[in-house]
Full PDB file with SEQRES, HELIX, SHEET, SSBOND, CRYST1, ORIGX, SCALE, CONECT and MASTER records, all heavy atoms in Angstrom:
SEQRES   1 A   35  LEU THR ALA ALA ALA LEU GLY ALA ALA MET LEU PRO LEU          
SEQRES   2 A   35  ARG SER HIS LEU SER ILE ALA THR SER ALA LEU VAL LEU          
SEQRES   3 A   35  VAL ILE PRO VAL VAL ALA GLY VAL VAL                          
HELIX    1 AA1 THR A    2  MET A   10  1                                   9    
HELIX    2 AA2 LEU A   11  HIS A   16  5                                   6    
HELIX    3 AA3 ILE A   19  VAL A   25  1                                   7    
HELIX    4 AA4 VAL A   27  VAL A   34  1                                   8    
CRYST1    1.000    1.000    1.000  90.00  90.00  90.00 P 1           1          
ORIGX1      1.000000  0.000000  0.000000        0.00000                         
ORIGX2      0.000000  1.000000  0.000000        0.00000                         
ORIGX3      0.000000  0.000000  1.000000        0.00000                         
SCALE1      1.000000  0.000000  0.000000        0.00000                         
SCALE2      0.000000  1.000000  0.000000        0.00000                         
SCALE3      0.000000  0.000000  1.000000        0.00000                         
ATOM      1  N   LEU A   1      85.999 117.938 108.976  1.00  0.00           N  
ATOM      2  CA  LEU A   1      84.867 117.247 109.561  1.00  0.00           C  
ATOM      3  C   LEU A   1      85.223 115.825 110.149  1.00  0.00           C  
ATOM      4  O   LEU A   1      84.777 115.451 111.125  1.00  0.00           O  
ATOM      5  CB  LEU A   1      83.684 117.156 108.533  1.00  0.00           C  
ATOM      6  CG  LEU A   1      83.052 118.547 108.214  1.00  0.00           C  
ATOM      7  CD1 LEU A   1      81.967 118.303 107.122  1.00  0.00           C  
ATOM      8  CD2 LEU A   1      82.438 119.194 109.453  1.00  0.00           C  
ATOM      9  N   THR A   2      86.066 115.074 109.311  1.00  0.00           N  
ATOM     10  CA  THR A   2      86.494 113.856 109.698  1.00  0.00           C  
ATOM     11  C   THR A   2      87.332 113.916 110.963  1.00  0.00           C  
ATOM     12  O   THR A   2      87.153 113.095 111.931  1.00  0.00           O  
ATOM     13  CB  THR A   2      87.243 113.038 108.658  1.00  0.00           C  
ATOM     14  OG1 THR A   2      86.437 112.990 107.491  1.00  0.00           O  
ATOM     15  CG2 THR A   2      87.627 111.636 109.104  1.00  0.00           C  
ATOM     16  N   ALA A   3      88.257 114.906 111.133  1.00  0.00           N  
ATOM     17  CA  ALA A   3      89.096 115.035 112.273  1.00  0.00           C  
ATOM     18  C   ALA A   3      88.197 115.401 113.444  1.00  0.00           C  
ATOM     19  O   ALA A   3      88.386 114.874 114.511  1.00  0.00           O  
ATOM     20  CB  ALA A   3      90.045 116.243 111.992  1.00  0.00           C  
ATOM     21  N   ALA A   4      87.243 116.300 113.195  1.00  0.00           N  
ATOM     22  CA  ALA A   4      86.334 116.664 114.324  1.00  0.00           C  
ATOM     23  C   ALA A   4      85.542 115.431 114.822  1.00  0.00           C  
ATOM     24  O   ALA A   4      85.413 115.287 116.061  1.00  0.00           O  
ATOM     25  CB  ALA A   4      85.366 117.813 113.988  1.00  0.00           C  
ATOM     26  N   ALA A   5      85.005 114.660 113.901  1.00  0.00           N  
ATOM     27  CA  ALA A   5      84.213 113.509 114.264  1.00  0.00           C  
ATOM     28  C   ALA A   5      85.041 112.520 114.983  1.00  0.00           C  
ATOM     29  O   ALA A   5      84.538 111.875 115.930  1.00  0.00           O  
ATOM     30  CB  ALA A   5      83.572 112.923 112.959  1.00  0.00           C  
ATOM     31  N   LEU A   6      86.176 112.207 114.490  1.00  0.00           N  
ATOM     32  CA  LEU A   6      87.034 111.249 115.090  1.00  0.00           C  
ATOM     33  C   LEU A   6      87.451 111.697 116.542  1.00  0.00           C  
ATOM     34  O   LEU A   6      87.568 110.933 117.506  1.00  0.00           O  
ATOM     35  CB  LEU A   6      88.255 110.914 114.264  1.00  0.00           C  
ATOM     36  CG  LEU A   6      88.006 110.143 113.090  1.00  0.00           C  
ATOM     37  CD1 LEU A   6      89.207 110.044 112.124  1.00  0.00           C  
ATOM     38  CD2 LEU A   6      87.533 108.714 113.355  1.00  0.00           C  
ATOM     39  N   GLY A   7      87.862 112.974 116.681  1.00  0.00           N  
ATOM     40  CA  GLY A   7      88.115 113.539 117.989  1.00  0.00           C  
ATOM     41  C   GLY A   7      86.990 113.373 119.000  1.00  0.00           C  
ATOM     42  O   GLY A   7      87.126 112.964 120.068  1.00  0.00           O  
ATOM     43  N   ALA A   8      85.720 113.707 118.505  1.00  0.00           N  
ATOM     44  CA  ALA A   8      84.524 113.544 119.320  1.00  0.00           C  
ATOM     45  C   ALA A   8      84.307 112.066 119.603  1.00  0.00           C  
ATOM     46  O   ALA A   8      83.954 111.709 120.785  1.00  0.00           O  
ATOM     47  CB  ALA A   8      83.325 114.193 118.598  1.00  0.00           C  
ATOM     48  N   ALA A   9      84.508 111.166 118.750  1.00  0.00           N  
ATOM     49  CA  ALA A   9      84.247 109.804 118.991  1.00  0.00           C  
ATOM     50  C   ALA A   9      85.240 109.221 120.031  1.00  0.00           C  
ATOM     51  O   ALA A   9      84.946 108.365 120.797  1.00  0.00           O  
ATOM     52  CB  ALA A   9      84.335 109.020 117.605  1.00  0.00           C  
ATOM     53  N   MET A  10      86.527 109.671 119.943  1.00  0.00           N  
ATOM     54  CA  MET A  10      87.538 109.188 120.779  1.00  0.00           C  
ATOM     55  C   MET A  10      87.566 109.937 122.175  1.00  0.00           C  
ATOM     56  O   MET A  10      88.149 109.305 123.126  1.00  0.00           O  
ATOM     57  CB  MET A  10      88.965 109.337 120.219  1.00  0.00           C  
ATOM     58  CG  MET A  10      89.240 108.484 118.994  1.00  0.00           C  
ATOM     59  SD  MET A  10      90.964 108.508 118.377  1.00  0.00           S  
ATOM     60  CE  MET A  10      91.034 110.208 117.876  1.00  0.00           C  
ATOM     61  N   LEU A  11      86.919 111.001 122.261  1.00  0.00           N  
ATOM     62  CA  LEU A  11      86.889 111.797 123.536  1.00  0.00           C  
ATOM     63  C   LEU A  11      86.538 110.967 124.787  1.00  0.00           C  
ATOM     64  O   LEU A  11      87.224 110.944 125.787  1.00  0.00           O  
ATOM     65  CB  LEU A  11      86.107 113.035 123.462  1.00  0.00           C  
ATOM     66  CG  LEU A  11      86.059 113.988 124.636  1.00  0.00           C  
ATOM     67  CD1 LEU A  11      87.446 114.429 125.070  1.00  0.00           C  
ATOM     68  CD2 LEU A  11      85.155 115.100 124.327  1.00  0.00           C  
ATOM     69  N   PRO A  12      85.393 110.160 124.648  1.00  0.00           N  
ATOM     70  CA  PRO A  12      85.065 109.447 125.818  1.00  0.00           C  
ATOM     71  C   PRO A  12      86.056 108.326 126.277  1.00  0.00           C  
ATOM     72  O   PRO A  12      86.049 107.816 127.449  1.00  0.00           O  
ATOM     73  CB  PRO A  12      83.736 108.767 125.512  1.00  0.00           C  
ATOM     74  CG  PRO A  12      83.236 109.537 124.315  1.00  0.00           C  
ATOM     75  CD  PRO A  12      84.398 110.097 123.604  1.00  0.00           C  
ATOM     76  N   LEU A  13      86.859 107.968 125.293  1.00  0.00           N  
ATOM     77  CA  LEU A  13      87.904 106.889 125.492  1.00  0.00           C  
ATOM     78  C   LEU A  13      89.228 107.527 125.753  1.00  0.00           C  
ATOM     79  O   LEU A  13      90.249 106.746 125.905  1.00  0.00           O  
ATOM     80  CB  LEU A  13      87.924 105.993 124.187  1.00  0.00           C  
ATOM     81  CG  LEU A  13      86.666 105.467 123.788  1.00  0.00           C  
ATOM     82  CD1 LEU A  13      86.891 104.760 122.425  1.00  0.00           C  
ATOM     83  CD2 LEU A  13      86.200 104.449 124.835  1.00  0.00           C  
ATOM     84  N   ARG A  14      89.367 108.823 125.916  1.00  0.00           N  
ATOM     85  CA  ARG A  14      90.716 109.475 126.019  1.00  0.00           C  
ATOM     86  C   ARG A  14      91.553 108.869 127.136  1.00  0.00           C  
ATOM     87  O   ARG A  14      92.813 108.681 126.941  1.00  0.00           O  
ATOM     88  CB  ARG A  14      90.492 110.944 126.246  1.00  0.00           C  
ATOM     89  CG  ARG A  14      91.709 111.749 126.481  1.00  0.00           C  
ATOM     90  CD  ARG A  14      91.549 113.221 126.505  1.00  0.00           C  
ATOM     91  NE  ARG A  14      90.695 113.681 127.484  1.00  0.00           N  
ATOM     92  CZ  ARG A  14      90.137 114.848 127.573  1.00  0.00           C  
ATOM     93  NH1 ARG A  14      90.455 115.820 126.684  1.00  0.00           N  
ATOM     94  NH2 ARG A  14      89.326 115.181 128.624  1.00  0.00           N  
ATOM     95  N   SER A  15      90.984 108.578 128.241  1.00  0.00           N  
ATOM     96  CA  SER A  15      91.698 107.997 129.375  1.00  0.00           C  
ATOM     97  C   SER A  15      92.262 106.581 129.165  1.00  0.00           C  
ATOM     98  O   SER A  15      93.186 106.175 129.812  1.00  0.00           O  
ATOM     99  CB  SER A  15      90.935 107.998 130.727  1.00  0.00           C  
ATOM    100  OG  SER A  15      89.863 107.177 130.579  1.00  0.00           O  
ATOM    101  N   HIS A  16      91.728 105.947 128.136  1.00  0.00           N  
ATOM    102  CA  HIS A  16      92.174 104.636 127.777  1.00  0.00           C  
ATOM    103  C   HIS A  16      93.031 104.537 126.518  1.00  0.00           C  
ATOM    104  O   HIS A  16      93.589 103.446 126.270  1.00  0.00           O  
ATOM    105  CB  HIS A  16      90.955 103.696 127.512  1.00  0.00           C  
ATOM    106  CG  HIS A  16      90.009 103.595 128.689  1.00  0.00           C  
ATOM    107  ND1 HIS A  16      90.278 102.989 129.907  1.00  0.00           N  
ATOM    108  CD2 HIS A  16      88.753 104.215 128.852  1.00  0.00           C  
ATOM    109  CE1 HIS A  16      89.310 103.195 130.680  1.00  0.00           C  
ATOM    110  NE2 HIS A  16      88.335 103.871 130.139  1.00  0.00           N  
ATOM    111  N   LEU A  17      93.249 105.633 125.885  1.00  0.00           N  
ATOM    112  CA  LEU A  17      94.024 105.756 124.737  1.00  0.00           C  
ATOM    113  C   LEU A  17      95.358 106.339 124.957  1.00  0.00           C  
ATOM    114  O   LEU A  17      95.486 107.296 125.725  1.00  0.00           O  
ATOM    115  CB  LEU A  17      93.366 106.601 123.557  1.00  0.00           C  
ATOM    116  CG  LEU A  17      92.023 106.141 123.077  1.00  0.00           C  
ATOM    117  CD1 LEU A  17      91.318 107.145 122.166  1.00  0.00           C  
ATOM    118  CD2 LEU A  17      92.113 104.757 122.402  1.00  0.00           C  
ATOM    119  N   SER A  18      96.403 105.824 124.296  1.00  0.00           N  
ATOM    120  CA  SER A  18      97.731 106.436 124.420  1.00  0.00           C  
ATOM    121  C   SER A  18      97.721 107.731 123.480  1.00  0.00           C  
ATOM    122  O   SER A  18      96.995 107.802 122.524  1.00  0.00           O  
ATOM    123  CB  SER A  18      98.811 105.463 124.071  1.00  0.00           C  
ATOM    124  OG  SER A  18      98.788 105.257 122.674  1.00  0.00           O  
ATOM    125  N   ILE A  19      98.763 108.472 123.695  1.00  0.00           N  
ATOM    126  CA  ILE A  19      98.960 109.600 122.757  1.00  0.00           C  
ATOM    127  C   ILE A  19      99.237 109.131 121.354  1.00  0.00           C  
ATOM    128  O   ILE A  19      98.713 109.691 120.478  1.00  0.00           O  
ATOM    129  CB  ILE A  19     100.156 110.541 123.247  1.00  0.00           C  
ATOM    130  CG1 ILE A  19      99.900 110.995 124.697  1.00  0.00           C  
ATOM    131  CG2 ILE A  19     100.534 111.511 122.357  1.00  0.00           C  
ATOM    132  CD1 ILE A  19      98.842 112.083 124.693  1.00  0.00           C  
ATOM    133  N   ALA A  20      99.925 108.052 121.202  1.00  0.00           N  
ATOM    134  CA  ALA A  20     100.284 107.507 119.889  1.00  0.00           C  
ATOM    135  C   ALA A  20      99.014 106.981 119.165  1.00  0.00           C  
ATOM    136  O   ALA A  20      98.853 107.168 118.000  1.00  0.00           O  
ATOM    137  CB  ALA A  20     101.298 106.395 120.074  1.00  0.00           C  
ATOM    138  N   THR A  21      98.230 106.314 119.884  1.00  0.00           N  
ATOM    139  CA  THR A  21      96.936 105.762 119.346  1.00  0.00           C  
ATOM    140  C   THR A  21      96.085 106.953 118.693  1.00  0.00           C  
ATOM    141  O   THR A  21      95.572 106.762 117.595  1.00  0.00           O  
ATOM    142  CB  THR A  21      96.085 105.000 120.289  1.00  0.00           C  
ATOM    143  OG1 THR A  21      96.952 103.940 120.861  1.00  0.00           O  
ATOM    144  CG2 THR A  21      94.868 104.375 119.760  1.00  0.00           C  
ATOM    145  N   SER A  22      95.893 107.964 119.441  1.00  0.00           N  
ATOM    146  CA  SER A  22      94.987 109.083 118.907  1.00  0.00           C  
ATOM    147  C   SER A  22      95.682 109.724 117.743  1.00  0.00           C  
ATOM    148  O   SER A  22      95.060 110.027 116.746  1.00  0.00           O  
ATOM    149  CB  SER A  22      94.813 110.103 120.022  1.00  0.00           C  
ATOM    150  OG  SER A  22      95.992 110.550 120.665  1.00  0.00           O  
ATOM    151  N   ALA A  23      97.035 109.779 117.651  1.00  0.00           N  
ATOM    152  CA  ALA A  23      97.650 110.375 116.509  1.00  0.00           C  
ATOM    153  C   ALA A  23      97.533 109.391 115.295  1.00  0.00           C  
ATOM    154  O   ALA A  23      97.340 109.872 114.218  1.00  0.00           O  
ATOM    155  CB  ALA A  23      99.165 110.520 116.810  1.00  0.00           C  
ATOM    156  N   LEU A  24      97.634 108.083 115.543  1.00  0.00           N  
ATOM    157  CA  LEU A  24      97.396 107.148 114.390  1.00  0.00           C  
ATOM    158  C   LEU A  24      96.055 107.243 113.832  1.00  0.00           C  
ATOM    159  O   LEU A  24      95.864 107.146 112.648  1.00  0.00           O  
ATOM    160  CB  LEU A  24      97.710 105.769 114.802  1.00  0.00           C  
ATOM    161  CG  LEU A  24      99.233 105.426 115.109  1.00  0.00           C  
ATOM    162  CD1 LEU A  24      99.419 104.104 115.723  1.00  0.00           C  
ATOM    163  CD2 LEU A  24     100.008 105.568 113.798  1.00  0.00           C  
ATOM    164  N   VAL A  25      95.007 107.354 114.701  1.00  0.00           N  
ATOM    165  CA  VAL A  25      93.644 107.437 114.148  1.00  0.00           C  
ATOM    166  C   VAL A  25      93.512 108.766 113.381  1.00  0.00           C  
ATOM    167  O   VAL A  25      92.712 108.842 112.450  1.00  0.00           O  
ATOM    168  CB  VAL A  25      92.672 107.466 115.388  1.00  0.00           C  
ATOM    169  CG1 VAL A  25      91.216 107.817 114.904  1.00  0.00           C  
ATOM    170  CG2 VAL A  25      92.692 106.077 116.020  1.00  0.00           C  
ATOM    171  N   LEU A  26      94.186 109.829 113.717  1.00  0.00           N  
ATOM    172  CA  LEU A  26      94.097 111.118 113.112  1.00  0.00           C  
ATOM    173  C   LEU A  26      94.840 111.108 111.760  1.00  0.00           C  
ATOM    174  O   LEU A  26      94.909 112.167 111.136  1.00  0.00           O  
ATOM    175  CB  LEU A  26      94.516 112.254 114.062  1.00  0.00           C  
ATOM    176  CG  LEU A  26      93.506 112.458 115.191  1.00  0.00           C  
ATOM    177  CD1 LEU A  26      94.045 113.453 116.206  1.00  0.00           C  
ATOM    178  CD2 LEU A  26      92.144 112.915 114.651  1.00  0.00           C  
ATOM    179  N   VAL A  27      95.378 109.982 111.354  1.00  0.00           N  
ATOM    180  CA  VAL A  27      96.007 109.951 109.964  1.00  0.00           C  
ATOM    181  C   VAL A  27      94.744 109.858 109.033  1.00  0.00           C  
ATOM    182  O   VAL A  27      94.821 110.374 107.869  1.00  0.00           O  
ATOM    183  CB  VAL A  27      96.763 108.594 109.840  1.00  0.00           C  
ATOM    184  CG1 VAL A  27      97.170 108.411 108.442  1.00  0.00           C  
ATOM    185  CG2 VAL A  27      98.054 108.700 110.704  1.00  0.00           C  
ATOM    186  N   ILE A  28      93.652 109.265 109.414  1.00  0.00           N  
ATOM    187  CA  ILE A  28      92.473 109.003 108.544  1.00  0.00           C  
ATOM    188  C   ILE A  28      91.944 110.353 107.847  1.00  0.00           C  
ATOM    189  O   ILE A  28      91.841 110.345 106.732  1.00  0.00           O  
ATOM    190  CB  ILE A  28      91.381 108.310 109.330  1.00  0.00           C  
ATOM    191  CG1 ILE A  28      91.868 106.898 109.702  1.00  0.00           C  
ATOM    192  CG2 ILE A  28      90.076 108.180 108.537  1.00  0.00           C  
ATOM    193  CD1 ILE A  28      90.931 106.218 110.688  1.00  0.00           C  
ATOM    194  N   PRO A  29      91.808 111.413 108.660  1.00  0.00           N  
ATOM    195  CA  PRO A  29      91.275 112.614 108.031  1.00  0.00           C  
ATOM    196  C   PRO A  29      92.256 113.242 107.062  1.00  0.00           C  
ATOM    197  O   PRO A  29      91.832 113.811 105.946  1.00  0.00           O  
ATOM    198  CB  PRO A  29      91.161 113.705 109.148  1.00  0.00           C  
ATOM    199  CG  PRO A  29      91.484 113.001 110.436  1.00  0.00           C  
ATOM    200  CD  PRO A  29      91.832 111.605 110.116  1.00  0.00           C  
ATOM    201  N   VAL A  30      93.576 113.047 107.218  1.00  0.00           N  
ATOM    202  CA  VAL A  30      94.529 113.553 106.261  1.00  0.00           C  
ATOM    203  C   VAL A  30      94.370 112.793 104.931  1.00  0.00           C  
ATOM    204  O   VAL A  30      94.339 113.391 103.895  1.00  0.00           O  
ATOM    205  CB  VAL A  30      95.927 113.446 106.824  1.00  0.00           C  
ATOM    206  CG1 VAL A  30      96.954 113.870 105.831  1.00  0.00           C  
ATOM    207  CG2 VAL A  30      96.121 114.400 108.079  1.00  0.00           C  
ATOM    208  N   VAL A  31      94.365 111.479 105.053  1.00  0.00           N  
ATOM    209  CA  VAL A  31      94.282 110.705 103.791  1.00  0.00           C  
ATOM    210  C   VAL A  31      92.949 111.009 103.127  1.00  0.00           C  
ATOM    211  O   VAL A  31      92.834 111.115 101.902  1.00  0.00           O  
ATOM    212  CB  VAL A  31      94.462 109.213 104.150  1.00  0.00           C  
ATOM    213  CG1 VAL A  31      94.160 108.392 102.886  1.00  0.00           C  
ATOM    214  CG2 VAL A  31      95.818 108.911 104.669  1.00  0.00           C  
ATOM    215  N   ALA A  32      91.833 110.992 103.808  1.00  0.00           N  
ATOM    216  CA  ALA A  32      90.513 111.357 103.279  1.00  0.00           C  
ATOM    217  C   ALA A  32      90.518 112.762 102.619  1.00  0.00           C  
ATOM    218  O   ALA A  32      89.944 112.905 101.509  1.00  0.00           O  
ATOM    219  CB  ALA A  32      89.422 111.257 104.371  1.00  0.00           C  
ATOM    220  N   GLY A  33      91.138 113.720 103.201  1.00  0.00           N  
ATOM    221  CA  GLY A  33      91.199 115.076 102.669  1.00  0.00           C  
ATOM    222  C   GLY A  33      92.032 115.087 101.364  1.00  0.00           C  
ATOM    223  O   GLY A  33      91.639 115.711 100.435  1.00  0.00           O  
ATOM    224  N   VAL A  34      93.208 114.377 101.361  1.00  0.00           N  
ATOM    225  CA  VAL A  34      93.953 114.349 100.154  1.00  0.00           C  
ATOM    226  C   VAL A  34      93.316 113.687  99.048  1.00  0.00           C  
ATOM    227  O   VAL A  34      93.357 114.157  97.898  1.00  0.00           O  
ATOM    228  CB  VAL A  34      95.330 113.646 100.504  1.00  0.00           C  
ATOM    229  CG1 VAL A  34      96.213 113.488  99.253  1.00  0.00           C  
ATOM    230  CG2 VAL A  34      96.216 114.486 101.477  1.00  0.00           C  
ATOM    231  N   VAL A  35      92.760 112.529  99.316  1.00  0.00           N  
ATOM    232  CA  VAL A  35      92.118 111.740  98.217  1.00  0.00           C  
ATOM    233  C   VAL A  35      90.917 112.463  97.631  1.00  0.00           C  
ATOM    234  O   VAL A  35      90.715 112.415  96.442  1.00  0.00           O  
ATOM    235  CB  VAL A  35      91.716 110.326  98.753  1.00  0.00           C  
ATOM    236  CG1 VAL A  35      90.906 109.504  97.800  1.00  0.00           C  
ATOM    237  CG2 VAL A  35      92.906 109.482  99.107  1.00  0.00           C  
TER     238      VAL A  35                                                      
MASTER        0    0    0    4    0    0    0    6  237    1    0    3          
END                                                                             
């Protein structure tokens, strides 16, 4: 759910985000899921 929410939140900004930035933000769901 965190991955989906972050993806949806970043979607309108996709043209302004680099590939690396979106990958870094998607670290959050992994850490949240593990913890």
